Amino acid sequence: MSEQKLWLNLSEEDVQTLAALQAEMGLGGPDEVMHALIRQAHTRAAISCPACGHSAHLTAEDSARCDGCMSILQLSDQIWTIVTTRPTTA
């Protein structure tokens, strides 16, 4: 995996917030804080299939499909619910 540099213009308030987060999270530097925040944002944005727990992929604004169990999900009141599942075969 190649690394890319990201340059940000931060206000003094942002710098203070970053330093406070670094201390609170016990991390070694601002870059570690940014990595942690990016991972957290990705985790929050990820869709987990309620049927099997695998990661589902967005297919439309409020629909998703799980490749693990083939369930079709729909977003309703900020909650992903199962609309249909693949029938099990014997």
N, C-alpha and C. Protein backbone atom coordinates (compact mmCIF):
# COMPACT_ATOMS: atom_id res chain seq x y z
N MET A 1 0.85 -1.17 0.00
CA MET A 1 0.00 0.00 0.00
C MET A 1 0.89 1.24 0.00
N SER A 2 0.65 2.14 -0.91
CA SER A 2 1.46 3.34 -0.98
C SER A 2 0.87 4.42 -0.06
N GLU A 3 1.77 5.22 0.45
CA GLU A 3 1.34 6.32 1.32
C GLU A 3 1.16 7.57 0.49
N GLN A 4 0.16 8.36 0.87
CA GLN A 4 -0.05 9.65 0.25
C GLN A 4 -0.05 10.70 1.34
N LYS A 5 0.50 11.83 1.03
CA LYS A 5 0.53 12.94 1.99
C LYS A 5 -0.69 13.81 1.79
N LEU A 6 -1.24 14.28 2.89
CA LEU A 6 -2.39 15.17 2.87
C LEU A 6 -2.03 16.40 3.69
N TRP A 7 -2.12 17.54 3.07
CA TRP A 7 -1.82 18.79 3.76
C TRP A 7 -3.12 19.50 4.07
N LEU A 8 -3.27 19.90 5.33
CA LEU A 8 -4.48 20.58 5.78
C LEU A 8 -4.12 21.93 6.37
N ASN A 9 -4.95 22.91 6.10
CA ASN A 9 -4.83 24.20 6.76
C ASN A 9 -5.75 24.16 7.97
N LEU A 10 -5.18 24.22 9.15
CA LEU A 10 -5.96 24.12 10.38
C LEU A 10 -5.96 25.45 11.12
N SER A 11 -7.10 25.79 11.67
CA SER A 11 -7.19 26.97 12.52
C SER A 11 -6.51 26.65 13.85
N GLU A 12 -6.28 27.66 14.65
CA GLU A 12 -5.68 27.45 15.97
C GLU A 12 -6.59 26.56 16.82
N GLU A 13 -7.89 26.76 16.69
CA GLU A 13 -8.85 25.93 17.43
C GLU A 13 -8.75 24.46 16.99
N ASP A 14 -8.60 24.23 15.68
CA ASP A 14 -8.44 22.86 15.17
C ASP A 14 -7.17 22.22 15.70
N VAL A 15 -6.09 22.99 15.76
CA VAL A 15 -4.81 22.48 16.27
C VAL A 15 -4.95 22.10 17.74
N GLN A 16 -5.64 22.92 18.51
CA GLN A 16 -5.86 22.63 19.93
C GLN A 16 -6.73 21.38 20.09
N THR A 17 -7.75 21.26 19.26
CA THR A 17 -8.62 20.08 19.31
C THR A 17 -7.84 18.83 18.96
N LEU A 18 -7.00 18.91 17.94
CA LEU A 18 -6.17 17.78 17.53
C LEU A 18 -5.22 17.37 18.66
N ALA A 19 -4.63 18.34 19.32
CA ALA A 19 -3.73 18.05 20.43
C ALA A 19 -4.49 17.41 21.60
N ALA A 20 -5.70 17.90 21.86
CA ALA A 20 -6.50 17.33 22.94
C ALA A 20 -6.90 15.89 22.61
N LEU A 21 -7.28 15.64 21.36
CA LEU A 21 -7.61 14.27 20.95
C LEU A 21 -6.40 13.36 21.05
N GLN A 22 -5.25 13.86 20.66
CA GLN A 22 -4.02 13.07 20.73
C GLN A 22 -3.75 12.65 22.17
N ALA A 23 -3.88 13.59 23.09
CA ALA A 23 -3.64 13.29 24.51
C ALA A 23 -4.71 12.32 25.04
N GLU A 24 -5.96 12.57 24.71
CA GLU A 24 -7.07 11.74 25.20
C GLU A 24 -6.97 10.31 24.67
N MET A 25 -6.57 10.17 23.40
CA MET A 25 -6.50 8.86 22.77
C MET A 25 -5.16 8.16 23.03
N GLY A 26 -4.21 8.89 23.62
CA GLY A 26 -2.91 8.31 23.93
C GLY A 26 -2.11 7.95 22.68
N LEU A 27 -2.22 8.79 21.65
CA LEU A 27 -1.53 8.52 20.40
C LEU A 27 -0.25 9.32 20.29
N GLY A 28 0.65 8.87 19.41
CA GLY A 28 1.97 9.44 19.32
C GLY A 28 2.09 10.74 18.54
N GLY A 29 1.11 11.06 17.72
CA GLY A 29 1.22 12.28 16.94
C GLY A 29 -0.08 12.60 16.23
N PRO A 30 -0.15 13.80 15.65
CA PRO A 30 -1.36 14.21 14.94
C PRO A 30 -1.72 13.29 13.77
N ASP A 31 -0.71 12.72 13.11
CA ASP A 31 -1.00 11.82 12.00
C ASP A 31 -1.73 10.57 12.48
N GLU A 32 -1.38 10.08 13.67
CA GLU A 32 -2.06 8.91 14.23
C GLU A 32 -3.51 9.26 14.58
N VAL A 33 -3.75 10.47 15.06
CA VAL A 33 -5.11 10.92 15.37
C VAL A 33 -5.93 10.95 14.08
N MET A 34 -5.37 11.51 13.01
CA MET A 34 -6.10 11.58 11.75
C MET A 34 -6.41 10.19 11.21
N HIS A 35 -5.46 9.26 11.31
CA HIS A 35 -5.70 7.88 10.87
C HIS A 35 -6.85 7.25 11.67
N ALA A 36 -6.84 7.47 12.99
CA ALA A 36 -7.89 6.91 13.84
C ALA A 36 -9.25 7.51 13.49
N LEU A 37 -9.30 8.81 13.25
CA LEU A 37 -10.56 9.46 12.90
C LEU A 37 -11.09 8.97 11.55
N ILE A 38 -10.19 8.75 10.61
CA ILE A 38 -10.60 8.23 9.30
C ILE A 38 -11.16 6.82 9.44
N ARG A 39 -10.50 5.98 10.22
CA ARG A 39 -11.00 4.61 10.43
C ARG A 39 -12.37 4.63 11.11
N GLN A 40 -12.55 5.52 12.10
CA GLN A 40 -13.84 5.62 12.79
C GLN A 40 -14.93 6.07 11.83
N ALA A 41 -14.62 7.04 10.99
CA ALA A 41 -15.62 7.53 10.02
C ALA A 41 -15.99 6.43 9.03
N HIS A 42 -15.00 5.67 8.61
CA HIS A 42 -15.28 4.57 7.68
C HIS A 42 -16.16 3.51 8.34
N THR A 43 -15.88 3.19 9.59
CA THR A 43 -16.67 2.20 10.31
C THR A 43 -18.11 2.67 10.46
N ARG A 44 -18.32 3.95 10.76
CA ARG A 44 -19.68 4.48 10.90
C ARG A 44 -20.42 4.46 9.57
N ALA A 45 -19.71 4.69 8.47
CA ALA A 45 -20.34 4.73 7.15
C ALA A 45 -20.57 3.34 6.58
N ALA A 46 -19.88 2.34 7.09
CA ALA A 46 -20.02 0.99 6.56
C ALA A 46 -21.40 0.44 6.87
N ILE A 47 -21.89 -0.39 5.97
CA ILE A 47 -23.20 -1.02 6.14
C ILE A 47 -22.97 -2.47 6.51
N SER A 48 -23.47 -2.88 7.66
CA SER A 48 -23.37 -4.28 8.08
C SER A 48 -24.70 -4.96 7.87
N CYS A 49 -24.67 -6.12 7.25
CA CYS A 49 -25.89 -6.88 7.00
C CYS A 49 -26.45 -7.40 8.33
N PRO A 50 -27.71 -7.09 8.64
CA PRO A 50 -28.29 -7.59 9.89
C PRO A 50 -28.53 -9.10 9.87
N ALA A 51 -28.53 -9.72 8.69
CA ALA A 51 -28.77 -11.16 8.59
C ALA A 51 -27.52 -11.96 8.91
N CYS A 52 -26.36 -11.52 8.38
CA CYS A 52 -25.15 -12.34 8.55
C CYS A 52 -23.95 -11.59 9.11
N GLY A 53 -24.03 -10.25 9.17
CA GLY A 53 -22.93 -9.47 9.72
C GLY A 53 -21.86 -9.07 8.72
N HIS A 54 -21.96 -9.56 7.48
CA HIS A 54 -20.98 -9.16 6.46
C HIS A 54 -21.20 -7.71 6.05
N SER A 55 -20.24 -7.17 5.35
CA SER A 55 -20.35 -5.82 4.83
C SER A 55 -21.24 -5.82 3.59
N ALA A 56 -22.20 -4.91 3.55
CA ALA A 56 -23.10 -4.79 2.41
C ALA A 56 -22.67 -3.58 1.58
N HIS A 57 -23.06 -3.60 0.31
CA HIS A 57 -22.69 -2.53 -0.61
C HIS A 57 -23.91 -1.73 -1.03
N LEU A 58 -23.77 -0.44 -1.00
CA LEU A 58 -24.85 0.46 -1.38
C LEU A 58 -25.17 0.27 -2.86
N THR A 59 -26.44 0.08 -3.19
CA THR A 59 -26.87 -0.06 -4.58
C THR A 59 -27.70 1.13 -5.03
N ALA A 60 -28.29 1.83 -4.12
CA ALA A 60 -29.06 3.05 -4.37
C ALA A 60 -29.00 3.87 -3.08
N GLU A 61 -29.59 5.02 -3.10
CA GLU A 61 -29.50 5.91 -1.94
C GLU A 61 -29.95 5.25 -0.65
N ASP A 62 -30.98 4.43 -0.71
CA ASP A 62 -31.49 3.80 0.50
C ASP A 62 -31.61 2.28 0.37
N SER A 63 -30.80 1.68 -0.51
CA SER A 63 -30.81 0.23 -0.70
C SER A 63 -29.39 -0.29 -0.73
N ALA A 64 -29.23 -1.53 -0.26
CA ALA A 64 -27.91 -2.16 -0.26
C ALA A 64 -28.08 -3.66 -0.48
N ARG A 65 -26.98 -4.30 -0.87
CA ARG A 65 -27.00 -5.75 -1.11
C ARG A 65 -25.80 -6.37 -0.40
N CYS A 66 -26.06 -7.48 0.27
CA CYS A 66 -25.00 -8.21 0.95
C CYS A 66 -24.52 -9.34 0.03
N ASP A 67 -23.24 -9.35 -0.27
CA ASP A 67 -22.69 -10.42 -1.10
C ASP A 67 -22.50 -11.70 -0.30
N GLY A 68 -22.49 -11.60 1.02
CA GLY A 68 -22.32 -12.77 1.85
C GLY A 68 -23.53 -13.69 1.83
N CYS A 69 -24.72 -13.13 2.10
CA CYS A 69 -25.93 -13.95 2.15
C CYS A 69 -26.95 -13.56 1.08
N MET A 70 -26.57 -12.61 0.24
CA MET A 70 -27.41 -12.14 -0.88
C MET A 70 -28.68 -11.43 -0.41
N SER A 71 -28.71 -10.94 0.80
CA SER A 71 -29.88 -10.19 1.29
C SER A 71 -29.94 -8.82 0.62
N ILE A 72 -31.14 -8.36 0.41
CA ILE A 72 -31.37 -6.99 -0.05
C ILE A 72 -31.82 -6.19 1.16
N LEU A 73 -31.16 -5.07 1.39
CA LEU A 73 -31.43 -4.25 2.57
C LEU A 73 -32.03 -2.92 2.16
N GLN A 74 -32.80 -2.34 3.05
CA GLN A 74 -33.38 -1.03 2.80
C GLN A 74 -33.21 -0.18 4.05
N LEU A 75 -32.87 1.08 3.85
CA LEU A 75 -32.71 2.01 4.96
C LEU A 75 -34.07 2.60 5.30
N SER A 76 -34.49 2.41 6.55
CA SER A 76 -35.77 2.92 7.01
C SER A 76 -35.57 3.49 8.41
N ASP A 77 -35.84 4.76 8.57
CA ASP A 77 -35.65 5.44 9.86
C ASP A 77 -34.23 5.27 10.38
N GLN A 78 -33.24 5.40 9.47
CA GLN A 78 -31.81 5.32 9.80
C GLN A 78 -31.37 3.93 10.24
N ILE A 79 -32.18 2.90 9.97
CA ILE A 79 -31.84 1.52 10.33
C ILE A 79 -31.92 0.66 9.08
N TRP A 80 -30.87 -0.15 8.84
CA TRP A 80 -30.88 -1.06 7.70
C TRP A 80 -31.68 -2.30 8.07
N THR A 81 -32.71 -2.59 7.28
CA THR A 81 -33.56 -3.75 7.51
C THR A 81 -33.52 -4.66 6.29
N ILE A 82 -33.81 -5.93 6.51
CA ILE A 82 -33.79 -6.92 5.44
C ILE A 82 -35.12 -6.86 4.69
N VAL A 83 -35.02 -6.70 3.36
CA VAL A 83 -36.21 -6.69 2.52
C VAL A 83 -36.44 -8.10 1.98
N THR A 84 -35.39 -8.71 1.45
CA THR A 84 -35.49 -10.09 0.96
C THR A 84 -34.16 -10.79 1.23
N THR A 85 -34.25 -12.09 1.34
CA THR A 85 -33.04 -12.91 1.49
C THR A 85 -33.06 -13.99 0.43
N ARG A 86 -31.89 -14.50 0.14
CA ARG A 86 -31.80 -15.60 -0.82
C ARG A 86 -32.34 -16.85 -0.15
N PRO A 87 -33.22 -17.59 -0.86
CA PRO A 87 -33.73 -18.82 -0.27
C PRO A 87 -32.61 -19.83 -0.08
N THR A 88 -32.67 -20.55 1.01
CA THR A 88 -31.67 -21.59 1.26
C THR A 88 -31.99 -22.82 0.45
N THR A 89 -30.97 -23.49 -0.04
CA THR A 89 -31.17 -24.72 -0.81
C THR A 89 -30.66 -25.88 -0.02
N ALA A 90 -31.32 -27.00 -0.15
CA ALA A 90 -30.93 -28.21 0.61
C ALA A 90 -29.89 -29.00 -0.11
